[in-house]
């Protein structure tokens, strides 16, 4: 059964040529113009990658440092003890702890945070939270830079608070990444988009064959998808260097 859309959505879609691939600049303008929510909608980039997610050597997982952040207040949880716990608190982590924090997540399903960071000595215990944190993309992982020595905690916490985002492909080979808010200026969204494209290109897995970035779409929360010319999106990242 076809999904029914409201008048506001249909009016927004009417502004988009669904058969056309826009330049990044045109797409960002349209995303801002077609956002009709009464809250500050999130701007998202959706990339279809030329990978086979079933193969370990074709997984895409990395981070991008968005120069203007995502516009969202990021709550950082840190699994650490002793000196690491002190450093994390001083660096502005929102939630810090060791065994008692692990038990709280296990028993109370406490998940009121956006990013989890851990020191290596804690990972033996944090590992048992894999079932809870893994499926929500919250498990600390060395590949995403969220398992670090205690001396590096202040840097990592600061990066995450300022706009470092993690991305990873889903089981269909898609990436979904928030790159700002509709209230951001066109230039801010383009800067963030460029940073993401550069990071995705750098994260190309060794097993990927053929066209790596097959399609790029920008959208706002509840807004229509706007197709971006993949070559122009990749050129945008190069011009931002």
Protein backbone atom coordinates (compact mmCIF):
# COMPACT_ATOMS: atom_id res chain seq x y z
CA UNK A 1 0.00 0.00 0.00
CA UNK A 2 1.41 3.38 -1.02
CA UNK A 3 2.45 5.68 1.79
CA UNK A 4 0.35 8.84 2.04
CA UNK A 5 2.16 12.14 2.44
CA UNK A 6 0.84 15.41 3.82
CA UNK A 7 0.36 18.66 1.90
CA UNK A 8 3.60 20.17 3.25
CA UNK A 9 5.67 17.23 2.08
CA UNK A 10 4.05 17.21 -1.35
CA UNK A 11 4.64 20.95 -1.68
CA UNK A 12 8.31 20.39 -0.79
CA UNK A 13 8.68 17.54 -3.30
CA UNK A 14 7.18 19.74 -6.02
CA UNK A 15 10.25 21.99 -5.75
CA UNK A 16 12.61 19.10 -6.54
CA UNK A 17 13.31 17.66 -9.98
CA UNK A 18 13.49 13.98 -9.03
CA UNK A 19 15.15 13.05 -12.33
CA UNK A 20 18.03 15.46 -11.88
CA UNK A 21 21.40 15.24 -10.11
CA UNK A 22 22.13 18.61 -8.50
CA UNK A 23 25.46 20.25 -7.72
CA UNK A 24 26.30 20.24 -3.99
CA UNK A 25 25.58 23.98 -3.82
CA UNK A 26 22.15 23.59 -5.45
CA UNK A 27 21.33 20.58 -3.29
CA UNK A 28 22.11 22.40 -0.04
CA UNK A 29 19.96 25.36 -1.09
CA UNK A 30 17.09 22.97 -1.87
CA UNK A 31 17.49 21.10 1.42
CA UNK A 32 17.07 24.39 3.29
CA UNK A 33 14.19 25.49 1.07
CA UNK A 34 12.24 22.21 1.28
CA UNK A 35 12.52 21.76 5.06
CA UNK A 36 9.03 22.32 6.45
CA UNK A 37 9.22 21.10 10.06
CA UNK A 38 8.52 23.52 12.89
CA UNK A 39 11.82 22.54 14.55
CA UNK A 40 15.43 22.91 13.44
CA UNK A 41 15.68 19.86 11.19
CA UNK A 42 18.84 17.80 10.81
CA UNK A 43 20.58 17.75 7.44
CA UNK A 44 21.70 14.24 6.47
CA UNK A 45 23.89 12.78 3.74
CA UNK A 46 23.08 9.31 2.42
CA UNK A 47 25.71 7.54 0.30
CA UNK A 48 25.28 4.29 -1.59
CA UNK A 49 28.66 2.59 -1.80
CA UNK A 50 29.99 0.06 -4.30
CA UNK A 51 30.80 -2.52 -1.64
CA UNK A 52 29.56 -5.97 -0.69
CA UNK A 53 28.85 -5.64 3.07
CA UNK A 54 28.98 -9.42 3.46
CA UNK A 55 32.76 -9.35 3.06
CA UNK A 56 35.05 -8.29 5.91
CA UNK A 57 37.47 -6.52 3.54
CA UNK A 58 34.68 -4.30 2.18
CA UNK A 59 33.48 -2.71 5.42
CA UNK A 60 33.55 1.08 5.68
CA UNK A 61 34.01 2.45 9.18
CA UNK A 62 35.78 5.64 10.13
CA UNK A 63 35.24 9.18 11.43
CA UNK A 64 34.91 12.66 9.98
CA UNK A 65 35.69 15.91 11.79
CA UNK A 66 32.94 18.31 10.77
CA UNK A 67 34.35 21.87 11.02
CA UNK A 68 31.01 23.28 12.19
CA UNK A 69 29.79 20.31 14.22
CA UNK A 70 26.36 18.71 13.82
CA UNK A 71 24.42 21.34 15.74
CA UNK A 72 23.59 18.74 18.36
CA UNK A 73 24.75 18.74 21.96
CA UNK A 74 26.84 15.56 22.17
CA UNK A 75 26.74 13.61 25.43
CA UNK A 76 30.00 11.70 25.93
CA UNK A 77 30.31 8.68 28.23
CA UNK A 78 33.76 7.44 29.23
CA UNK A 79 34.62 4.04 30.69
CA UNK A 80 37.73 4.71 32.78
CA UNK A 81 39.17 4.30 36.27
CA UNK A 82 41.85 6.01 38.34
CA UNK A 83 43.86 8.60 36.43
CA UNK A 84 41.75 8.10 33.30
CA UNK A 85 38.57 8.86 35.20
CA UNK A 86 40.06 12.11 36.54
CA UNK A 87 41.25 13.19 33.09
CA UNK A 88 37.87 12.43 31.52
CA UNK A 89 36.00 14.48 34.13
CA UNK A 90 38.41 17.41 33.77
CA UNK A 91 38.01 17.27 29.96
CA UNK A 92 34.24 17.68 30.21
CA UNK A 93 32.92 14.15 29.71
CA UNK A 94 29.24 13.99 30.69
CA UNK A 95 29.30 10.52 32.29
CA UNK A 96 32.39 8.78 33.64
CA UNK A 97 32.80 5.51 35.50
CA UNK A 98 33.99 1.93 35.65
CA UNK A 99 32.38 -1.21 37.03
CA UNK A 100 29.35 0.61 38.48
CA UNK A 101 28.64 2.28 35.12
CA UNK A 102 28.87 -1.04 33.27
CA UNK A 103 26.41 -2.56 35.76
CA UNK A 104 24.05 0.38 35.35
CA UNK A 105 23.95 -0.14 31.57
CA UNK A 106 23.46 -3.91 32.04
CA UNK A 107 20.73 -3.72 34.68
CA UNK A 108 18.95 -0.46 33.85
CA UNK A 109 19.60 -0.36 30.08
CA UNK A 110 20.99 3.14 30.64
CA UNK A 111 21.67 4.66 27.21
CA UNK A 112 21.37 8.41 27.76
CA UNK A 113 24.52 9.30 25.78
CA UNK A 114 25.61 9.74 22.16
CA UNK A 115 29.23 8.52 22.12
CA UNK A 116 31.08 6.04 24.34
CA UNK A 117 34.85 6.14 24.83
CA UNK A 118 36.96 3.66 26.80
CA UNK A 119 40.54 3.14 27.91
CA UNK A 120 42.10 -0.19 26.78
CA UNK A 121 42.22 -1.60 30.32
CA UNK A 122 38.42 -1.31 30.55
CA UNK A 123 37.60 -3.12 27.30
CA UNK A 124 37.73 -6.59 28.86
CA UNK A 125 34.76 -5.61 31.02
CA UNK A 126 33.07 -3.29 28.51
CA UNK A 127 33.07 -6.16 26.01
CA UNK A 128 30.17 -7.82 27.78
CA UNK A 129 28.01 -4.81 26.86
CA UNK A 130 28.38 -5.66 23.15
CA UNK A 131 24.82 -6.95 22.86
CA UNK A 132 23.41 -3.71 24.29
CA UNK A 133 25.78 -1.11 22.81
CA UNK A 134 26.72 -2.85 19.56
CA UNK A 135 23.34 -2.76 17.89
CA UNK A 136 23.00 0.94 18.70
CA UNK A 137 26.42 1.81 17.29
CA UNK A 138 27.66 2.88 20.73
CA UNK A 139 30.37 0.27 21.35
CA UNK A 140 33.87 1.79 21.79
CA UNK A 141 36.13 0.66 18.97
CA UNK A 142 39.80 1.33 18.10
CA UNK A 143 38.87 1.83 14.41
CA UNK A 144 36.65 4.76 15.27
CA UNK A 145 39.18 6.21 17.70
CA UNK A 146 37.03 5.61 20.77
CA UNK A 147 39.40 3.20 22.56
CA UNK A 148 42.34 5.35 23.68
CA UNK A 149 45.00 5.64 26.37
CA UNK A 150 44.04 7.84 29.33
CA UNK A 151 46.52 10.53 28.21
CA UNK A 152 44.54 10.91 24.95
CA UNK A 153 41.12 11.21 26.58
CA UNK A 154 41.05 15.06 26.71
CA UNK A 155 41.82 15.29 22.97
CA UNK A 156 39.24 12.67 21.98
CA UNK A 157 36.50 14.13 24.19
CA UNK A 158 37.18 17.59 22.77
CA UNK A 159 37.06 16.30 19.17
CA UNK A 160 33.76 14.52 19.72
CA UNK A 161 32.20 17.55 21.42
CA UNK A 162 33.34 19.81 18.57
CA UNK A 163 31.90 17.67 15.78
CA UNK A 164 33.78 14.44 15.15
CA UNK A 165 31.24 11.93 13.85
CA UNK A 166 31.55 8.21 13.26
CA UNK A 167 30.16 6.55 10.15
CA UNK A 168 29.83 2.93 9.10
CA UNK A 169 28.00 1.15 6.32
CA UNK A 170 24.77 -0.67 7.06
CA UNK A 171 23.99 -4.16 5.79
CA UNK A 172 22.81 -2.78 2.43
CA UNK A 173 26.01 -0.80 1.78
CA UNK A 174 24.57 2.59 2.69
CA UNK A 175 26.01 5.34 4.88
CA UNK A 176 23.73 7.73 6.78
CA UNK A 177 25.48 10.70 8.39
CA UNK A 178 24.15 13.90 9.98
CA UNK A 179 26.10 16.90 8.68
CA UNK A 180 24.38 19.83 10.37
CA UNK A 181 21.10 21.64 10.88
CA UNK A 182 18.83 23.50 8.47
CA UNK A 183 19.60 26.67 10.45
CA UNK A 184 23.27 26.41 9.43
CA UNK A 185 24.41 28.67 6.62
CA UNK A 186 24.81 27.18 3.14
CA UNK A 187 28.60 27.55 3.52
CA UNK A 188 28.66 25.72 6.88
CA UNK A 189 26.70 22.76 5.48
CA UNK A 190 28.94 22.64 2.39
CA UNK A 191 32.08 22.69 4.58
CA UNK A 192 30.74 19.79 6.64
CA UNK A 193 29.64 17.91 3.52
CA UNK A 194 33.12 18.34 2.02
CA UNK A 195 34.76 17.03 5.22
CA UNK A 196 32.50 13.96 5.17
CA UNK A 197 33.18 13.21 1.49
CA UNK A 198 36.94 13.45 2.08
CA UNK A 199 36.72 11.07 5.04
CA UNK A 200 34.58 8.57 3.12
CA UNK A 201 37.03 8.56 0.20
CA UNK A 202 39.93 8.00 2.62
CA UNK A 203 38.05 5.08 4.19
CA UNK A 204 37.71 3.15 0.91
CA UNK A 205 38.28 -0.51 1.81
CA UNK A 206 40.88 -2.62 0.03
CA UNK A 207 38.28 -5.06 -1.26
CA UNK A 208 36.06 -2.45 -2.97
CA UNK A 209 35.98 -2.87 -6.76
CA UNK A 210 34.51 -0.66 -9.47
CA UNK A 211 32.70 2.59 -8.63
CA UNK A 212 33.12 3.26 -4.91
CA UNK A 213 30.62 6.12 -4.35
CA UNK A 214 27.59 5.20 -6.46
CA UNK A 215 25.05 7.76 -5.33
CA UNK A 216 24.77 10.71 -2.94
CA UNK A 217 21.54 12.14 -1.54
CA UNK A 218 20.97 15.07 0.81
CA UNK A 219 17.83 15.41 2.87
CA UNK A 220 16.44 17.12 5.96
CA UNK A 221 14.36 15.48 8.69
CA UNK A 222 11.05 14.47 7.04
CA UNK A 223 12.05 16.36 3.88
CA UNK A 224 12.43 14.97 0.34
CA UNK A 225 15.67 13.41 -0.86
CA UNK A 226 17.75 15.53 -3.24
CA UNK A 227 20.12 13.65 -5.51
CA UNK A 228 23.65 15.06 -5.77
CA UNK A 229 26.02 14.41 -8.67
CA UNK A 230 28.55 11.98 -7.09
CA UNK A 231 31.46 13.38 -9.11
CA UNK A 232 30.62 16.95 -8.06
CA UNK A 233 30.32 15.84 -4.41
CA UNK A 234 33.79 14.27 -4.55
CA UNK A 235 35.21 17.32 -6.31
CA UNK A 236 33.77 19.46 -3.52
CA UNK A 237 35.89 17.58 -0.98
CA UNK A 238 39.00 18.05 -3.12
CA UNK A 239 38.41 21.79 -3.49
CA UNK A 240 38.03 22.12 0.28
CA UNK A 241 41.57 20.84 0.96
